[in-house]
Protein backbone atom coordinates (compact mmCIF):
# COMPACT_ATOMS: atom_id res chain seq x y z
CA UNK A 1 -147.67 97.53 58.82
CA UNK A 2 -146.18 94.81 60.93
CA UNK A 3 -147.20 96.53 63.92
CA UNK A 4 -149.50 95.64 66.89
CA UNK A 5 -152.13 97.56 68.97
CA UNK A 6 -151.55 98.10 72.59
CA UNK A 7 -153.91 99.09 75.15
CA UNK A 8 -151.85 101.68 77.56
CA UNK A 9 -152.70 101.92 81.24
CA UNK A 10 -154.29 105.60 80.52
CA UNK A 11 -156.65 104.19 78.18
CA UNK A 12 -155.34 104.91 74.92
CA UNK A 13 -154.80 102.53 72.07
CA UNK A 14 -151.28 102.95 70.39
CA UNK A 15 -149.95 101.24 67.20
CA UNK A 16 -146.71 99.84 68.45
CA UNK A 17 -143.61 97.98 67.12
CA UNK A 18 -143.50 94.51 68.36
CA UNK A 19 -139.99 95.11 69.74
CA UNK A 20 -141.18 98.14 71.81
CA UNK A 21 -144.29 96.19 73.48
CA UNK A 22 -143.45 95.68 77.24
CA UNK A 23 -144.16 92.66 79.21
CA UNK A 24 -147.58 92.25 80.30
CA UNK A 25 -149.04 95.09 77.91
CA UNK A 26 -152.43 94.13 76.44
CA UNK A 27 -152.32 93.62 72.98
CA UNK A 28 -155.38 93.50 70.35
CA UNK A 29 -155.44 90.01 68.48
CA UNK A 30 -157.89 88.85 65.89
CA UNK A 31 -159.95 85.59 66.95
CA UNK A 32 -162.27 85.40 64.05
CA UNK A 33 -162.01 85.80 60.17
CA UNK A 34 -165.00 88.00 60.05
CA UNK A 35 -163.98 90.33 62.48
CA UNK A 36 -166.52 89.55 65.06
CA UNK A 37 -164.25 88.86 67.88
CA UNK A 38 -160.87 90.81 68.18
CA UNK A 39 -159.81 92.97 64.91
CA UNK A 40 -161.87 94.13 62.25
CA UNK A 41 -160.18 95.64 58.96
CA UNK A 42 -162.06 98.12 57.44
CA UNK A 43 -161.24 97.66 53.84
CA UNK A 44 -162.49 100.98 52.54
CA UNK A 45 -160.71 103.25 55.32
CA UNK A 46 -162.10 106.87 55.30
CA UNK A 47 -163.52 106.74 52.01
CA UNK A 48 -166.87 105.08 52.30
CA UNK A 49 -168.89 103.66 49.67
CA UNK A 50 -169.13 99.65 48.66
CA UNK A 51 -165.79 99.59 46.79
CA UNK A 52 -163.00 101.88 46.45
CA UNK A 53 -159.75 102.06 44.28
CA UNK A 54 -157.97 102.85 47.73
CA UNK A 55 -159.49 99.68 49.49
CA UNK A 56 -157.09 97.48 51.29
CA UNK A 57 -156.49 94.11 49.62
CA UNK A 58 -153.57 91.64 50.04
CA UNK A 59 -151.89 89.64 47.33
CA UNK A 60 -154.42 91.15 44.67
CA UNK A 61 -152.00 93.41 42.87
CA UNK A 62 -151.88 93.09 38.91
CA UNK A 63 -148.31 94.64 37.81
CA UNK A 64 -147.16 94.25 34.14
CA UNK A 65 -144.07 95.90 32.35
CA UNK A 66 -146.70 96.04 29.27
CA UNK A 67 -148.72 98.45 31.07
CA UNK A 68 -148.17 101.94 30.44
CA UNK A 69 -147.23 104.39 33.10
CA UNK A 70 -149.24 107.62 33.17
CA UNK A 71 -146.30 110.14 33.67
CA UNK A 72 -148.39 113.11 33.20
CA UNK A 73 -150.59 112.05 36.14
CA UNK A 74 -147.48 111.07 38.34
CA UNK A 75 -145.78 114.64 37.51
CA UNK A 76 -148.88 116.39 38.32
CA UNK A 77 -149.19 114.48 41.84
CA UNK A 78 -145.85 115.26 42.72
CA UNK A 79 -146.36 118.90 41.57
CA UNK A 80 -149.35 119.31 43.49
CA UNK A 81 -147.79 117.52 46.65
CA UNK A 82 -144.81 120.46 46.66
CA UNK A 83 -147.70 123.21 46.02
CA UNK A 84 -149.37 122.19 49.24
CA UNK A 85 -146.26 121.84 51.18
CA UNK A 86 -146.20 118.13 51.63
CA UNK A 87 -143.19 116.21 52.57
CA UNK A 88 -142.06 113.82 49.68
CA UNK A 89 -139.74 111.16 50.84
CA UNK A 90 -137.45 109.21 48.19
CA UNK A 91 -135.97 105.64 48.95
CA UNK A 92 -133.32 105.03 46.41
CA UNK A 93 -130.75 102.31 45.22
CA UNK A 94 -127.16 102.52 43.62
CA UNK A 95 -128.58 101.53 40.48
CA UNK A 96 -130.02 104.90 40.06
CA UNK A 97 -126.51 106.04 40.11
CA UNK A 98 -125.14 103.55 37.79
CA UNK A 99 -128.22 104.10 35.61
CA UNK A 100 -126.66 107.64 35.06
CA UNK A 101 -130.01 109.11 36.72
CA UNK A 102 -127.74 111.13 39.02
CA UNK A 103 -128.35 114.69 37.31
CA UNK A 104 -132.23 114.11 37.42
CA UNK A 105 -132.55 113.28 41.21
CA UNK A 106 -129.96 116.03 41.79
CA UNK A 107 -132.60 118.38 39.67
CA UNK A 108 -135.48 117.29 41.87
CA UNK A 109 -133.36 117.96 45.13
CA UNK A 110 -132.63 121.61 44.01
CA UNK A 111 -136.17 122.19 43.03
CA UNK A 112 -137.82 121.41 46.15
CA UNK A 113 -139.34 117.99 45.38
CA UNK A 114 -137.33 116.06 48.05
CA UNK A 115 -138.20 116.47 51.54
CA UNK A 116 -136.04 113.45 52.88
CA UNK A 117 -133.87 110.74 51.43
CA UNK A 118 -133.56 107.12 52.54
CA UNK A 119 -131.07 104.72 51.28
CA UNK A 120 -127.98 102.39 52.29
CA UNK A 121 -124.35 102.58 51.95
CA UNK A 122 -123.89 101.70 48.61
CA UNK A 123 -126.14 104.84 47.02
CA UNK A 124 -124.11 107.02 48.74
CA UNK A 125 -120.84 105.53 48.05
CA UNK A 126 -121.25 105.25 44.58
CA UNK A 127 -122.39 108.82 44.12
CA UNK A 128 -119.50 110.17 46.05
CA UNK A 129 -117.12 107.75 43.57
CA UNK A 130 -118.49 109.66 40.83
CA UNK A 131 -118.43 112.79 42.41
CA UNK A 132 -114.60 112.44 43.52
CA UNK A 133 -113.23 110.54 40.66
CA UNK A 134 -115.84 110.47 37.77
CA UNK A 135 -116.78 106.81 38.28
CA UNK A 136 -119.19 104.16 39.41
CA UNK A 137 -117.71 101.05 40.67
CA UNK A 138 -114.84 101.50 38.41
CA UNK A 139 -116.47 102.48 35.33
CA UNK A 140 -116.47 105.41 33.28
CA UNK A 141 -119.77 107.32 32.18
CA UNK A 142 -119.58 105.41 28.98
CA UNK A 143 -119.62 101.93 31.08
CA UNK A 144 -116.08 101.09 30.22
CA UNK A 145 -113.71 100.18 32.99
CA UNK A 146 -110.70 102.23 34.00
CA UNK A 147 -107.48 101.33 35.33
CA UNK A 148 -107.45 100.62 39.03
CA UNK A 149 -111.29 101.18 38.97
CA UNK A 150 -111.72 98.26 41.22
CA UNK A 151 -110.65 100.03 44.10
CA UNK A 152 -111.95 103.55 43.58
CA UNK A 153 -115.12 102.87 45.69
CA UNK A 154 -112.87 102.17 48.56
CA UNK A 155 -110.67 105.38 48.05
CA UNK A 156 -113.88 107.24 47.79
CA UNK A 157 -114.99 105.92 51.36
CA UNK A 158 -111.43 106.58 52.77
CA UNK A 159 -111.54 110.25 51.65
CA UNK A 160 -114.72 110.49 52.97
CA UNK A 161 -113.63 108.86 56.40
CA UNK A 162 -110.46 111.18 56.35
CA UNK A 163 -112.61 114.49 56.11
CA UNK A 164 -114.72 113.41 58.86
CA UNK A 165 -118.16 112.70 56.92
CA UNK A 166 -120.06 113.76 53.78
CA UNK A 167 -121.15 117.24 54.95
CA UNK A 168 -117.51 117.91 56.09
CA UNK A 169 -116.32 117.04 52.67
CA UNK A 170 -118.79 119.26 50.93
CA UNK A 171 -117.68 122.02 53.24
CA UNK A 172 -114.07 121.58 52.54
CA UNK A 173 -114.58 121.31 48.79
CA UNK A 174 -113.53 117.54 48.29
CA UNK A 175 -117.21 116.87 47.08
CA UNK A 176 -118.79 119.43 44.79
CA UNK A 177 -121.23 117.71 42.78
CA UNK A 178 -123.64 114.78 43.10
CA UNK A 179 -126.66 113.53 44.89
CA UNK A 180 -125.08 113.82 48.50
CA UNK A 181 -123.63 117.34 47.70
CA UNK A 182 -127.08 118.40 46.75
CA UNK A 183 -128.65 117.03 49.98
CA UNK A 184 -125.98 118.66 52.09
CA UNK A 185 -126.11 122.11 49.88
CA UNK A 186 -129.82 122.57 50.35
CA UNK A 187 -130.33 120.97 53.94
CA UNK A 188 -132.14 117.97 52.84
CA UNK A 189 -132.08 115.33 55.51
CA UNK A 190 -130.95 111.57 54.80
CA UNK A 191 -130.74 108.33 56.42
CA UNK A 192 -128.51 105.63 55.27
CA UNK A 193 -129.25 102.38 56.81
CA UNK A 194 -126.32 99.97 56.91
CA UNK A 195 -125.98 96.19 56.45
CA UNK A 196 -123.39 93.56 57.33
CA UNK A 197 -121.84 93.65 53.79
CA UNK A 198 -121.28 97.04 53.53
CA UNK A 199 -117.65 98.36 52.37
CA UNK A 200 -116.40 101.05 55.00
CA UNK A 201 -119.12 102.15 55.76
CA UNK A 202 -119.45 105.80 55.47
CA UNK A 203 -119.35 107.66 58.74
CA UNK A 204 -122.90 108.67 58.39
CA UNK A 205 -124.30 104.98 57.85
CA UNK A 206 -126.04 103.50 60.80
CA UNK A 207 -125.04 99.94 61.18
CA UNK A 208 -127.30 99.41 64.24
CA UNK A 209 -130.42 98.11 62.35
CA UNK A 210 -132.76 99.47 65.18
CA UNK A 211 -131.27 102.92 65.16
CA UNK A 212 -131.46 102.95 61.40
CA UNK A 213 -135.50 101.85 61.88
CA UNK A 214 -136.02 104.66 64.45
CA UNK A 215 -134.27 107.34 62.04
CA UNK A 216 -136.32 106.30 59.03
CA UNK A 217 -139.37 106.19 61.33
CA UNK A 218 -138.68 109.90 62.06
CA UNK A 219 -139.28 110.58 58.32
CA UNK A 220 -141.67 108.19 57.38
CA UNK A 221 -144.39 109.66 60.13
CA UNK A 222 -143.98 113.14 58.60
CA UNK A 223 -144.04 112.02 54.92
CA UNK A 224 -147.44 112.86 52.87
CA UNK A 225 -145.81 111.18 49.45
CA UNK A 226 -142.91 108.82 48.56
CA UNK A 227 -141.25 107.82 45.78
CA UNK A 228 -139.29 104.34 45.63
CA UNK A 229 -136.77 104.00 42.55
CA UNK A 230 -134.57 100.71 42.19
CA UNK A 231 -133.98 99.43 45.84
CA UNK A 232 -136.24 96.26 46.61
CA UNK A 233 -135.17 95.79 50.41
CA UNK A 234 -135.33 99.56 51.19
CA UNK A 235 -138.71 100.08 49.36
CA UNK A 236 -140.38 97.36 51.17
CA UNK A 237 -138.96 97.95 54.74
CA UNK A 238 -140.04 102.11 54.01
CA UNK A 239 -143.40 100.95 52.89
CA UNK A 240 -144.36 98.75 55.95
CA UNK A 241 -143.25 102.14 57.97
CA UNK A 242 -145.41 104.43 55.86
CA UNK A 243 -149.13 104.83 57.15
CA UNK A 244 -151.97 104.39 54.39
CA UNK A 245 -153.66 107.91 54.98
CA UNK A 246 -152.13 111.40 56.23
CA UNK A 247 -153.91 114.30 57.67
CA UNK A 248 -154.28 117.07 55.01
CA UNK A 249 -155.62 120.34 54.75
CA UNK A 250 -158.62 119.05 52.23
CA UNK A 251 -162.70 119.25 53.09
CA UNK A 252 -162.41 115.68 54.30
CA UNK A 253 -159.24 116.39 56.10
CA UNK A 254 -157.45 113.19 55.37
CA UNK A 255 -156.18 111.42 52.14
CA UNK A 256 -154.12 108.36 51.12
CA UNK A 257 -150.55 108.69 51.09
CA UNK A 258 -149.56 108.21 47.72
CA UNK A 259 -146.38 106.20 46.67
CA UNK A 260 -144.54 105.81 43.45
CA UNK A 261 -142.74 102.33 42.91
CA UNK A 262 -139.96 101.89 40.18
CA UNK A 263 -137.98 98.81 39.27
CA UNK A 264 -136.85 96.96 36.19
CA UNK A 265 -138.11 93.72 37.54
CA UNK A 266 -141.97 93.28 38.21
CA UNK A 267 -141.41 91.17 41.27
CA UNK A 268 -140.15 94.17 43.38
CA UNK A 269 -143.08 96.21 42.45
CA UNK A 270 -145.58 93.66 42.84
CA UNK A 271 -143.86 92.56 46.20
CA UNK A 272 -144.39 96.22 47.60
CA UNK A 273 -147.92 96.59 46.25
CA UNK A 274 -149.02 93.03 47.53
CA UNK A 275 -148.04 94.02 51.26
CA UNK A 276 -151.00 96.29 51.33
CA UNK A 277 -149.54 99.36 49.85
CA UNK A 278 -152.76 99.76 47.99
CA UNK A 279 -152.24 103.48 47.07
CA UNK A 280 -148.89 102.89 45.12
CA UNK A 281 -148.55 103.45 41.24
CA UNK A 282 -146.32 100.51 40.12
CA UNK A 283 -143.98 101.31 37.44
CA UNK A 284 -141.75 98.71 35.62
CA UNK A 285 -138.92 100.23 33.97
CA UNK A 286 -135.16 100.95 34.76
CA UNK A 287 -134.28 103.92 36.66
CA UNK A 288 -132.47 106.05 33.88
CA UNK A 289 -135.78 106.09 31.71
CA UNK A 290 -138.08 106.62 34.81
CA UNK A 291 -135.97 109.66 36.04
CA UNK A 292 -135.44 111.33 32.93
CA UNK A 293 -139.18 110.79 31.87
CA UNK A 294 -140.48 111.89 35.16
CA UNK A 295 -138.16 115.26 35.10
CA UNK A 296 -139.47 116.13 31.55
CA UNK A 297 -143.04 115.76 32.75
CA UNK A 298 -142.70 117.86 36.15
CA UNK A 299 -140.82 120.58 34.12
CA UNK A 300 -143.60 120.73 31.71
CA UNK A 301 -146.18 120.55 34.68
CA UNK A 302 -144.32 123.62 36.38
CA UNK A 303 -144.42 125.48 33.08
CA UNK A 304 -147.90 125.01 32.78
CA UNK A 305 -148.40 126.58 36.12
CA UNK A 306 -146.45 129.56 35.45
CA UNK A 307 -149.00 132.44 34.66
CA UNK A 308 -149.17 133.80 31.16
CA UNK A 309 -147.90 137.24 32.15
CA UNK A 310 -144.46 135.90 33.30
CA UNK A 311 -143.73 133.91 29.97
CA UNK A 312 -141.89 136.12 27.54
C-alpha cells in the first residue's frame, strides 16, 4: 500500500516507498481506468475465479457494532498460525492498558502468540507505570485517582531512563511485571514509534519517523498474521505496510495475510478495511472485552488440540 513500482537497471520490478525513489528512476504509472495502459489491478489476486471473499475492493467495507464476531474462528486462525510457525504481529494502543487487558496480552506473549509488538510511547509508559506504581495515568485499578497520580507517568519515564532503558529496568528488577516485562523476558522484539507530543519519551522510542518506519517494516515484511487493538494511527500505518498475501507451506504456496482489527468505534475498523485491507476481520468492541473473550476461546481451542491420552 502507498508504494510505487520502479524498474531497476538490471531489469527487476521492485515495489518501493516513494521516499526511496531515486531521481531519474522509471516508475510505473496508470494511464487508463481499465488497465489497458499502465497498471492493471488484478482484484482476485492469486485465488482465481470470478469473485472471491479476498477480492480487492476500495471503500466497500460494511462494519457494524451489531454484527457478531466469531471468536471461535478468530481463536482457530490465531492458534493455527502459531502451529504452522507463522509470525503474528500485534499492534496495540494505550487503551488496552487502561481497559485492564494487560494480563490477557501478557498471557498471549507468554504462550507464544506474539512474534513482535508495535506501538507508541504511550502504551509502554502506561504499562510501565502500572508495573512500578500500580496505576495508569494516575488511576488505580478501580478507576479512582490517587494522590499525586498526575505525575506518576513522568516518574515512571524517569525511572526507566535512569535505569538505562526498559530491558535494563527488567534486568535490575525495577520492572517485574507487565507487557514490556513479558516482551523482554521472552525475547519478543518490539518497536515503539514516537510522535512530537510524547512525554519523555522512553529511551527505546524512535522519535525519527523514518527510522521508526524502517524498524516497523523489518517486522511487517516477515509477518504472516496481524492483530490491531485500540490504536487508530498505528493500525492504519502498519496496515499499509503489510502485504496482502504471504508465501506459506500450503498446496498453493501462498495465502492471504489475515488481520484482526479491534476498536470501540466503527470508524477506526472501517478506515483500516477501506484502505484495501480486504482480508481483515473487523471487531467493534472495547479492548478489555475483546482480549478477555479471545483469550477464553484460544484457551478452549488449545484444550481441544490436546490428545485425549494427555488429559487426566
